[in-house]
């Protein structure tokens, strides 16, 4: 059985945090000598936690809004009565 096809659309927190940490560490490799290995690692870890938390919040928010839009489109539209000018009968659209 192929379990690769059942992967979730949104990666988990740890995976996102790890990817961001690796990218930051690679980008900031020049500062490793100035700050030291340990300090740079702790700063990268803190920053990756903050960024991953915000990214996951945004992705969850997008999912909620897309679900609301899909639910709204499924609900059948009721006919709306509007009046064009005063004194005329209501026209169904």
PDB file of N, CA and C in Angstrom:
ATOM      1  N   UNK A   1       0.835  -1.171   0.000  1.00  0.00           N
ATOM      2  CA  UNK A   1       0.000   0.000   0.000  1.00  0.00           C
ATOM      3  C   UNK A   1       0.885   1.241   0.000  1.00  0.00           C
ATOM      4  N   UNK A   2       0.496   2.268  -0.740  1.00  0.00           N
ATOM      5  CA  UNK A   2       1.282   3.490  -0.884  1.00  0.00           C
ATOM      6  C   UNK A   2       0.818   4.521   0.145  1.00  0.00           C
ATOM      7  N   UNK A   3       1.637   4.783   1.145  1.00  0.00           N
ATOM      8  CA  UNK A   3       1.268   5.735   2.187  1.00  0.00           C
ATOM      9  C   UNK A   3       1.704   7.154   1.856  1.00  0.00           C
ATOM     10  N   UNK A   4       2.483   7.351   0.817  1.00  0.00           N
ATOM     11  CA  UNK A   4       2.954   8.679   0.441  1.00  0.00           C
ATOM     12  C   UNK A   4       1.819   9.562  -0.043  1.00  0.00           C
ATOM     13  N   UNK A   5       0.790   8.981  -0.601  1.00  0.00           N
ATOM     14  CA  UNK A   5      -0.316   9.756  -1.149  1.00  0.00           C
ATOM     15  C   UNK A   5      -1.225  10.306  -0.063  1.00  0.00           C
ATOM     16  N   UNK A   6      -1.080   9.846   1.185  1.00  0.00           N
ATOM     17  CA  UNK A   6      -1.966  10.242   2.266  1.00  0.00           C
ATOM     18  C   UNK A   6      -1.347  11.336   3.137  1.00  0.00           C
ATOM     19  N   UNK A   7      -0.288  11.967   2.694  1.00  0.00           N
ATOM     20  CA  UNK A   7       0.374  13.000   3.484  1.00  0.00           C
ATOM     21  C   UNK A   7      -0.515  14.226   3.605  1.00  0.00           C
ATOM     22  N   UNK A   8      -0.489  14.906   4.756  1.00  0.00           N
ATOM     23  CA  UNK A   8      -1.331  16.086   4.937  1.00  0.00           C
ATOM     24  C   UNK A   8      -0.855  17.259   4.083  1.00  0.00           C
ATOM     25  N   UNK A   9      -1.773  18.162   3.775  1.00  0.00           N
ATOM     26  CA  UNK A   9      -1.443  19.318   2.955  1.00  0.00           C
ATOM     27  C   UNK A   9      -0.547  20.292   3.720  1.00  0.00           C
ATOM     28  N   UNK A  10      -0.792  20.431   5.022  1.00  0.00           N
ATOM     29  CA  UNK A  10       0.002  21.337   5.846  1.00  0.00           C
ATOM     30  C   UNK A  10       1.017  20.519   6.635  1.00  0.00           C
ATOM     31  N   UNK A  11       2.306  20.820   6.494  1.00  0.00           N
ATOM     32  CA  UNK A  11       3.298  20.094   7.283  1.00  0.00           C
ATOM     33  C   UNK A  11       3.183  20.454   8.762  1.00  0.00           C
ATOM     34  N   UNK A  12       3.652  19.584   9.632  1.00  0.00           N
ATOM     35  CA  UNK A  12       3.546  19.847  11.059  1.00  0.00           C
ATOM     36  C   UNK A  12       4.553  20.904  11.503  1.00  0.00           C
ATOM     37  N   UNK A  13       4.384  21.367  12.737  1.00  0.00           N
ATOM     38  CA  UNK A  13       5.203  22.458  13.263  1.00  0.00           C
ATOM     39  C   UNK A  13       6.690  22.134  13.245  1.00  0.00           C
ATOM     40  N   UNK A  14       7.023  20.944  13.688  1.00  0.00           N
ATOM     41  CA  UNK A  14       8.445  20.582  13.787  1.00  0.00           C
ATOM     42  C   UNK A  14       9.123  20.576  12.432  1.00  0.00           C
ATOM     43  N   UNK A  15       8.418  20.078  11.436  1.00  0.00           N
ATOM     44  CA  UNK A  15       9.006  20.007  10.100  1.00  0.00           C
ATOM     45  C   UNK A  15       9.235  21.417   9.541  1.00  0.00           C
ATOM     46  N   UNK A  16       8.256  22.288   9.709  1.00  0.00           N
ATOM     47  CA  UNK A  16       8.388  23.666   9.224  1.00  0.00           C
ATOM     48  C   UNK A  16       9.513  24.375   9.959  1.00  0.00           C
ATOM     49  N   UNK A  17       9.558  24.199  11.278  1.00  0.00           N
ATOM     50  CA  UNK A  17      10.597  24.834  12.089  1.00  0.00           C
ATOM     51  C   UNK A  17      11.980  24.354  11.671  1.00  0.00           C
ATOM     52  N   UNK A  18      12.112  23.067  11.392  1.00  0.00           N
ATOM     53  CA  UNK A  18      13.392  22.491  10.992  1.00  0.00           C
ATOM     54  C   UNK A  18      13.854  23.054   9.651  1.00  0.00           C
ATOM     55  N   UNK A  19      12.927  23.144   8.687  1.00  0.00           N
ATOM     56  CA  UNK A  19      13.270  23.674   7.365  1.00  0.00           C
ATOM     57  C   UNK A  19      13.707  25.126   7.456  1.00  0.00           C
ATOM     58  N   UNK A  20      12.976  25.919   8.235  1.00  0.00           N
ATOM     59  CA  UNK A  20      13.325  27.338   8.386  1.00  0.00           C
ATOM     60  C   UNK A  20      14.676  27.470   9.070  1.00  0.00           C
ATOM     61  N   UNK A  21      14.921  26.673  10.088  1.00  0.00           N
ATOM     62  CA  UNK A  21      16.195  26.701  10.803  1.00  0.00           C
ATOM     63  C   UNK A  21      17.366  26.376   9.894  1.00  0.00           C
ATOM     64  N   UNK A  22      17.194  25.382   9.036  1.00  0.00           N
ATOM     65  CA  UNK A  22      18.272  25.008   8.110  1.00  0.00           C
ATOM     66  C   UNK A  22      18.552  26.131   7.123  1.00  0.00           C
ATOM     67  N   UNK A  23      17.499  26.747   6.611  1.00  0.00           N
ATOM     68  CA  UNK A  23      17.687  27.843   5.656  1.00  0.00           C
ATOM     69  C   UNK A  23      18.356  29.043   6.308  1.00  0.00           C
ATOM     70  N   UNK A  24      17.941  29.371   7.534  1.00  0.00           N
ATOM     71  CA  UNK A  24      18.551  30.500   8.237  1.00  0.00           C
ATOM     72  C   UNK A  24      20.013  30.210   8.575  1.00  0.00           C
ATOM     73  N   UNK A  25      20.283  29.028   9.033  1.00  0.00           N
ATOM     74  CA  UNK A  25      21.665  28.675   9.383  1.00  0.00           C
ATOM     75  C   UNK A  25      22.563  28.748   8.156  1.00  0.00           C
ATOM     76  N   UNK A  26      22.045  28.323   7.018  1.00  0.00           N
ATOM     77  CA  UNK A  26      22.834  28.405   5.786  1.00  0.00           C
ATOM     78  C   UNK A  26      23.061  29.837   5.357  1.00  0.00           C
ATOM     79  N   UNK A  27      22.026  30.670   5.510  1.00  0.00           N
ATOM     80  CA  UNK A  27      22.144  32.068   5.099  1.00  0.00           C
ATOM     81  C   UNK A  27      23.046  32.867   6.037  1.00  0.00           C
ATOM     82  N   UNK A  28      23.061  32.489   7.300  1.00  0.00           N
ATOM     83  CA  UNK A  28      23.842  33.239   8.287  1.00  0.00           C
ATOM     84  C   UNK A  28      25.161  32.554   8.645  1.00  0.00           C
ATOM     85  N   UNK A  29      25.657  31.692   7.787  1.00  0.00           N
ATOM     86  CA  UNK A  29      26.894  30.956   8.065  1.00  0.00           C
ATOM     87  C   UNK A  29      28.095  31.890   8.225  1.00  0.00           C
ATOM     88  N   UNK A  30      28.039  33.037   7.590  1.00  0.00           N
ATOM     89  CA  UNK A  30      29.155  34.000   7.682  1.00  0.00           C
ATOM     90  C   UNK A  30      29.332  34.520   9.109  1.00  0.00           C
ATOM     91  N   UNK A  31      28.234  34.619   9.845  1.00  0.00           N
ATOM     92  CA  UNK A  31      28.280  35.187  11.188  1.00  0.00           C
ATOM     93  C   UNK A  31      28.590  34.151  12.263  1.00  0.00           C
ATOM     94  N   UNK A  32      28.829  32.929  11.850  1.00  0.00           N
ATOM     95  CA  UNK A  32      29.101  31.850  12.795  1.00  0.00           C
ATOM     96  C   UNK A  32      30.379  32.120  13.580  1.00  0.00           C
ATOM     97  N   UNK A  33      31.388  32.653  12.921  1.00  0.00           N
ATOM     98  CA  UNK A  33      32.666  32.924  13.590  1.00  0.00           C
ATOM     99  C   UNK A  33      32.531  34.086  14.567  1.00  0.00           C
ATOM    100  N   UNK A  34      31.764  35.109  14.179  1.00  0.00           N
ATOM    101  CA  UNK A  34      31.624  36.281  15.039  1.00  0.00           C
ATOM    102  C   UNK A  34      30.812  35.977  16.293  1.00  0.00           C
ATOM    103  N   UNK A  35      29.676  35.322  16.137  1.00  0.00           N
ATOM    104  CA  UNK A  35      28.808  35.042  17.276  1.00  0.00           C
ATOM    105  C   UNK A  35      29.208  33.784  18.044  1.00  0.00           C
ATOM    106  N   UNK A  36      29.720  32.854  17.356  1.00  0.00           N
ATOM    107  CA  UNK A  36      30.004  31.555  17.964  1.00  0.00           C
ATOM    108  C   UNK A  36      28.923  30.573  17.554  1.00  0.00           C
ATOM    109  N   UNK A  37      29.282  29.316  17.582  1.00  0.00           N
ATOM    110  CA  UNK A  37      28.383  28.266  17.098  1.00  0.00           C
ATOM    111  C   UNK A  37      27.119  28.160  17.949  1.00  0.00           C
ATOM    112  N   UNK A  38      27.300  28.200  19.278  1.00  0.00           N
ATOM    113  CA  UNK A  38      26.171  28.014  20.186  1.00  0.00           C
ATOM    114  C   UNK A  38      25.186  29.174  20.134  1.00  0.00           C
ATOM    115  N   UNK A  39      25.706  30.397  20.165  1.00  0.00           N
ATOM    116  CA  UNK A  39      24.829  31.568  20.146  1.00  0.00           C
ATOM    117  C   UNK A  39      24.038  31.657  18.856  1.00  0.00           C
ATOM    118  N   UNK A  40      24.692  31.403  17.752  1.00  0.00           N
ATOM    119  CA  UNK A  40      24.004  31.444  16.468  1.00  0.00           C
ATOM    120  C   UNK A  40      22.901  30.386  16.420  1.00  0.00           C
ATOM    121  N   UNK A  41      23.202  29.201  16.931  1.00  0.00           N
ATOM    122  CA  UNK A  41      22.211  28.120  16.928  1.00  0.00           C
ATOM    123  C   UNK A  41      20.994  28.487  17.772  1.00  0.00           C
ATOM    124  N   UNK A  42      21.211  29.113  18.942  1.00  0.00           N
ATOM    125  CA  UNK A  42      20.070  29.482  19.788  1.00  0.00           C
ATOM    126  C   UNK A  42      19.235  30.585  19.145  1.00  0.00           C
ATOM    127  N   UNK A  43      19.901  31.549  18.531  1.00  0.00           N
ATOM    128  CA  UNK A  43      19.163  32.627  17.865  1.00  0.00           C
ATOM    129  C   UNK A  43      18.363  32.097  16.672  1.00  0.00           C
ATOM    130  N   UNK A  44      18.966  31.227  15.908  1.00  0.00           N
ATOM    131  CA  UNK A  44      18.284  30.638  14.753  1.00  0.00           C
ATOM    132  C   UNK A  44      17.074  29.831  15.217  1.00  0.00           C
ATOM    133  N   UNK A  45      17.238  29.112  16.318  1.00  0.00           N
ATOM    134  CA  UNK A  45      16.144  28.312  16.863  1.00  0.00           C
ATOM    135  C   UNK A  45      14.967  29.196  17.277  1.00  0.00           C
ATOM    136  N   UNK A  46      15.249  30.302  17.966  1.00  0.00           N
ATOM    137  CA  UNK A  46      14.192  31.218  18.404  1.00  0.00           C
ATOM    138  C   UNK A  46      13.467  31.832  17.205  1.00  0.00           C
ATOM    139  N   UNK A  47      14.230  32.272  16.234  1.00  0.00           N
ATOM    140  CA  UNK A  47      13.647  32.904  15.055  1.00  0.00           C
ATOM    141  C   UNK A  47      12.812  31.909  14.260  1.00  0.00           C
ATOM    142  N   UNK A  48      13.300  30.699  14.122  1.00  0.00           N
ATOM    143  CA  UNK A  48      12.545  29.702  13.358  1.00  0.00           C
ATOM    144  C   UNK A  48      11.237  29.347  14.055  1.00  0.00           C
ATOM    145  N   UNK A  49      11.211  29.356  15.389  1.00  0.00           N
ATOM    146  CA  UNK A  49       9.962  29.112  16.119  1.00  0.00           C
ATOM    147  C   UNK A  49       8.955  30.214  15.839  1.00  0.00           C
ATOM    148  N   UNK A  50       9.412  31.447  15.876  1.00  0.00           N
ATOM    149  CA  UNK A  50       8.510  32.574  15.634  1.00  0.00           C
ATOM    150  C   UNK A  50       7.938  32.542  14.215  1.00  0.00           C
ATOM    151  N   UNK A  51       8.800  32.330  13.252  1.00  0.00           N
ATOM    152  CA  UNK A  51       8.371  32.335  11.853  1.00  0.00           C
ATOM    153  C   UNK A  51       7.441  31.166  11.563  1.00  0.00           C
ATOM    154  N   UNK A  52       7.765  29.989  12.070  1.00  0.00           N
ATOM    155  CA  UNK A  52       6.917  28.817  11.803  1.00  0.00           C
ATOM    156  C   UNK A  52       5.547  28.981  12.443  1.00  0.00           C
ATOM    157  N   UNK A  53       5.486  29.571  13.613  1.00  0.00           N
ATOM    158  CA  UNK A  53       4.199  29.797  14.278  1.00  0.00           C
ATOM    159  C   UNK A  53       3.320  30.723  13.438  1.00  0.00           C
ATOM    160  N   UNK A  54       3.902  31.791  12.922  1.00  0.00           N
ATOM    161  CA  UNK A  54       3.134  32.720  12.098  1.00  0.00           C
ATOM    162  C   UNK A  54       2.697  32.088  10.783  1.00  0.00           C
ATOM    163  N   UNK A  55       3.572  31.316  10.170  1.00  0.00           N
ATOM    164  CA  UNK A  55       3.226  30.654   8.905  1.00  0.00           C
ATOM    165  C   UNK A  55       2.074  29.675   9.091  1.00  0.00           C
ATOM    166  N   UNK A  56       2.096  28.925  10.171  1.00  0.00           N
ATOM    167  CA  UNK A  56       1.024  27.967  10.424  1.00  0.00           C
ATOM    168  C   UNK A  56      -0.298  28.661  10.734  1.00  0.00           C
ATOM    169  N   UNK A  57      -0.235  29.792  11.433  1.00  0.00           N
ATOM    170  CA  UNK A  57      -1.452  30.561  11.701  1.00  0.00           C
ATOM    171  C   UNK A  57      -2.077  31.039  10.396  1.00  0.00           C
ATOM    172  N   UNK A  58      -1.249  31.532   9.505  1.00  0.00           N
ATOM    173  CA  UNK A  58      -1.734  32.036   8.222  1.00  0.00           C
ATOM    174  C   UNK A  58      -2.346  30.916   7.392  1.00  0.00           C
ATOM    175  N   UNK A  59      -1.684  29.768   7.360  1.00  0.00           N
ATOM    176  CA  UNK A  59      -2.208  28.658   6.557  1.00  0.00           C
ATOM    177  C   UNK A  59      -3.515  28.130   7.125  1.00  0.00           C
ATOM    178  N   UNK A  60      -3.653  28.098   8.455  1.00  0.00           N
ATOM    179  CA  UNK A  60      -4.916  27.666   9.066  1.00  0.00           C
ATOM    180  C   UNK A  60      -6.025  28.664   8.777  1.00  0.00           C
ATOM    181  N   UNK A  61      -5.674  29.939   8.789  1.00  0.00           N
ATOM    182  CA  UNK A  61      -6.660  30.977   8.505  1.00  0.00           C
ATOM    183  C   UNK A  61      -7.170  30.860   7.069  1.00  0.00           C
ATOM    184  N   UNK A  62      -6.264  30.584   6.134  1.00  0.00           N
ATOM    185  CA  UNK A  62      -6.659  30.407   4.735  1.00  0.00           C
ATOM    186  C   UNK A  62      -7.573  29.209   4.584  1.00  0.00           C
ATOM    187  N   UNK A  63      -7.296  28.131   5.307  1.00  0.00           N
ATOM    188  CA  UNK A  63      -8.146  26.942   5.231  1.00  0.00           C
ATOM    189  C   UNK A  63      -9.547  27.258   5.746  1.00  0.00           C
ATOM    190  N   UNK A  64      -9.630  27.992   6.864  1.00  0.00           N
ATOM    191  CA  UNK A  64     -10.943  28.338   7.427  1.00  0.00           C
ATOM    192  C   UNK A  64     -11.753  29.188   6.464  1.00  0.00           C
ATOM    193  N   UNK A  65     -11.105  30.168   5.839  1.00  0.00           N
ATOM    194  CA  UNK A  65     -11.832  31.035   4.918  1.00  0.00           C
ATOM    195  C   UNK A  65     -12.245  30.283   3.664  1.00  0.00           C
ATOM    196  N   UNK A  66     -11.423  29.361   3.204  1.00  0.00           N
ATOM    197  CA  UNK A  66     -11.791  28.584   2.015  1.00  0.00           C
ATOM    198  C   UNK A  66     -12.955  27.651   2.329  1.00  0.00           C
ATOM    199  N   UNK A  67     -13.014  27.120   3.547  1.00  0.00           N
ATOM    200  CA  UNK A  67     -14.143  26.278   3.945  1.00  0.00           C
ATOM    201  C   UNK A  67     -15.424  27.099   4.018  1.00  0.00           C
ATOM    202  N   UNK A  68     -15.321  28.329   4.533  1.00  0.00           N
ATOM    203  CA  UNK A  68     -16.498  29.192   4.618  1.00  0.00           C
ATOM    204  C   UNK A  68     -17.016  29.534   3.229  1.00  0.00           C
ATOM    205  N   UNK A  69     -16.119  29.804   2.307  1.00  0.00           N
ATOM    206  CA  UNK A  69     -16.514  30.147   0.938  1.00  0.00           C
ATOM    207  C   UNK A  69     -17.171  28.956   0.275  1.00  0.00           C
ATOM    208  N   UNK A  70     -16.621  27.764   0.473  1.00  0.00           N
ATOM    209  CA  UNK A  70     -17.204  26.582  -0.152  1.00  0.00           C
ATOM    210  C   UNK A  70     -18.575  26.267   0.437  1.00  0.00           C
ATOM    211  N   UNK A  71     -18.758  26.491   1.749  1.00  0.00           N
ATOM    212  CA  UNK A  71     -20.061  26.268   2.367  1.00  0.00           C
ATOM    213  C   UNK A  71     -21.066  27.280   1.843  1.00  0.00           C
ATOM    214  N   UNK A  72     -20.650  28.520   1.674  1.00  0.00           N
ATOM    215  CA  UNK A  72     -21.552  29.566   1.199  1.00  0.00           C
ATOM    216  C   UNK A  72     -21.994  29.296  -0.234  1.00  0.00           C
ATOM    217  N   UNK A  73     -21.116  28.742  -1.041  1.00  0.00           N
ATOM    218  CA  UNK A  73     -21.470  28.476  -2.429  1.00  0.00           C
ATOM    219  C   UNK A  73     -22.397  27.264  -2.540  1.00  0.00           C
ATOM    220  N   UNK A  74     -22.346  26.355  -1.559  1.00  0.00           N
ATOM    221  CA  UNK A  74     -23.210  25.185  -1.586  1.00  0.00           C
ATOM    222  C   UNK A  74     -24.655  25.522  -1.208  1.00  0.00           C
ATOM    223  N   UNK A  75     -24.837  26.541  -0.378  1.00  0.00           N
ATOM    224  CA  UNK A  75     -26.179  26.926   0.052  1.00  0.00           C
ATOM    225  C   UNK A  75     -26.926  27.500  -1.144  1.00  0.00           C
ATOM    226  N   UNK A  76     -28.151  27.027  -1.343  1.00  0.00           N
ATOM    227  CA  UNK A  76     -28.916  27.518  -2.497  1.00  0.00           C
ATOM    228  C   UNK A  76     -29.310  28.973  -2.290  1.00  0.00           C
ATOM    229  N   UNK A  77     -29.280  29.713  -3.355  1.00  0.00           N
ATOM    230  CA  UNK A  77     -29.591  31.132  -3.294  1.00  0.00           C
ATOM    231  C   UNK A  77     -31.103  31.337  -3.294  1.00  0.00           C
ATOM    232  N   UNK A  78     -31.575  32.168  -2.390  1.00  0.00           N
ATOM    233  CA  UNK A  78     -32.994  32.488  -2.330  1.00  0.00           C
ATOM    234  C   UNK A  78     -33.263  33.647  -3.276  1.00  0.00           C
ATOM    235  N   UNK A  79     -34.439  33.690  -3.902  1.00  0.00           N
ATOM    236  CA  UNK A  79     -34.744  34.817  -4.775  1.00  0.00           C
ATOM    237  C   UNK A  79     -34.845  36.112  -3.965  1.00  0.00           C
ATOM    238  N   UNK A  80     -34.266  37.148  -4.502  1.00  0.00           N
ATOM    239  CA  UNK A  80     -34.235  38.434  -3.823  1.00  0.00           C
ATOM    240  C   UNK A  80     -35.207  39.368  -4.504  1.00  0.00           C
ATOM    241  N   UNK A  81     -36.065  40.005  -3.720  1.00  0.00           N
ATOM    242  CA  UNK A  81     -37.019  40.957  -4.275  1.00  0.00           C
ATOM    243  C   UNK A  81     -36.424  42.353  -4.166  1.00  0.00           C
ATOM    244  N   UNK A  82     -36.402  43.052  -5.299  1.00  0.00           N
ATOM    245  CA  UNK A  82     -35.864  44.409  -5.309  1.00  0.00           C
ATOM    246  C   UNK A  82     -36.863  45.332  -5.978  1.00  0.00           C
ATOM    247  N   UNK A  83     -36.833  46.569  -5.619  1.00  0.00           N
ATOM    248  CA  UNK A  83     -37.689  47.583  -6.241  1.00  0.00           C
ATOM    249  C   UNK A  83     -36.797  48.547  -6.985  1.00  0.00           C
ATOM    250  N   UNK A  84     -37.123  48.781  -8.232  1.00  0.00           N
ATOM    251  CA  UNK A  84     -36.308  49.696  -9.027  1.00  0.00           C
ATOM    252  C   UNK A  84     -36.706  51.141  -8.764  1.00  0.00           C
ATOM    253  N   UNK A  85     -37.990  51.433  -8.809  1.00  0.00           N
ATOM    254  CA  UNK A  85     -38.469  52.776  -8.537  1.00  0.00           C
ATOM    255  C   UNK A  85     -39.619  52.667  -7.559  1.00  0.00           C
ATOM    256  N   UNK A  86     -39.877  53.734  -6.887  1.00  0.00           N
ATOM    257  CA  UNK A  86     -41.002  53.707  -5.954  1.00  0.00           C
ATOM    258  C   UNK A  86     -42.304  53.625  -6.731  1.00  0.00           C
ATOM    259  N   UNK A  87     -43.189  52.824  -6.246  1.00  0.00           N
ATOM    260  CA  UNK A  87     -44.483  52.690  -6.914  1.00  0.00           C
ATOM    261  C   UNK A  87     -44.567  51.485  -7.817  1.00  0.00           C
ATOM    262  N   UNK A  88     -43.443  50.842  -8.198  1.00  0.00           N
ATOM    263  CA  UNK A  88     -43.505  49.670  -9.060  1.00  0.00           C
ATOM    264  C   UNK A  88     -43.576  48.401  -8.198  1.00  0.00           C
ATOM    265  N   UNK A  89     -44.019  47.333  -8.815  1.00  0.00           N
ATOM    266  CA  UNK A  89     -44.100  46.065  -8.099  1.00  0.00           C
ATOM    267  C   UNK A  89     -42.710  45.465  -7.972  1.00  0.00           C
ATOM    268  N   UNK A  90     -42.538  44.605  -6.974  1.00  0.00           N
ATOM    269  CA  UNK A  90     -41.258  43.938  -6.743  1.00  0.00           C
ATOM    270  C   UNK A  90     -40.957  42.961  -7.868  1.00  0.00           C
ATOM    271  N   UNK A  91     -39.725  42.903  -8.247  1.00  0.00           N
ATOM    272  CA  UNK A  91     -39.315  42.030  -9.350  1.00  0.00           C
ATOM    273  C   UNK A  91     -38.372  40.978  -8.778  1.00  0.00           C
ATOM    274  N   UNK A  92     -38.657  39.695  -9.039  1.00  0.00           N
ATOM    275  CA  UNK A  92     -37.774  38.627  -8.581  1.00  0.00           C
ATOM    276  C   UNK A  92     -36.605  38.477  -9.535  1.00  0.00           C
ATOM    277  N   UNK A  93     -35.433  38.277  -8.959  1.00  0.00           N
ATOM    278  CA  UNK A  93     -34.237  38.090  -9.787  1.00  0.00           C
ATOM    279  C   UNK A  93     -33.712  36.705  -9.615  1.00  0.00           C
TER     280      UNK A  93
END
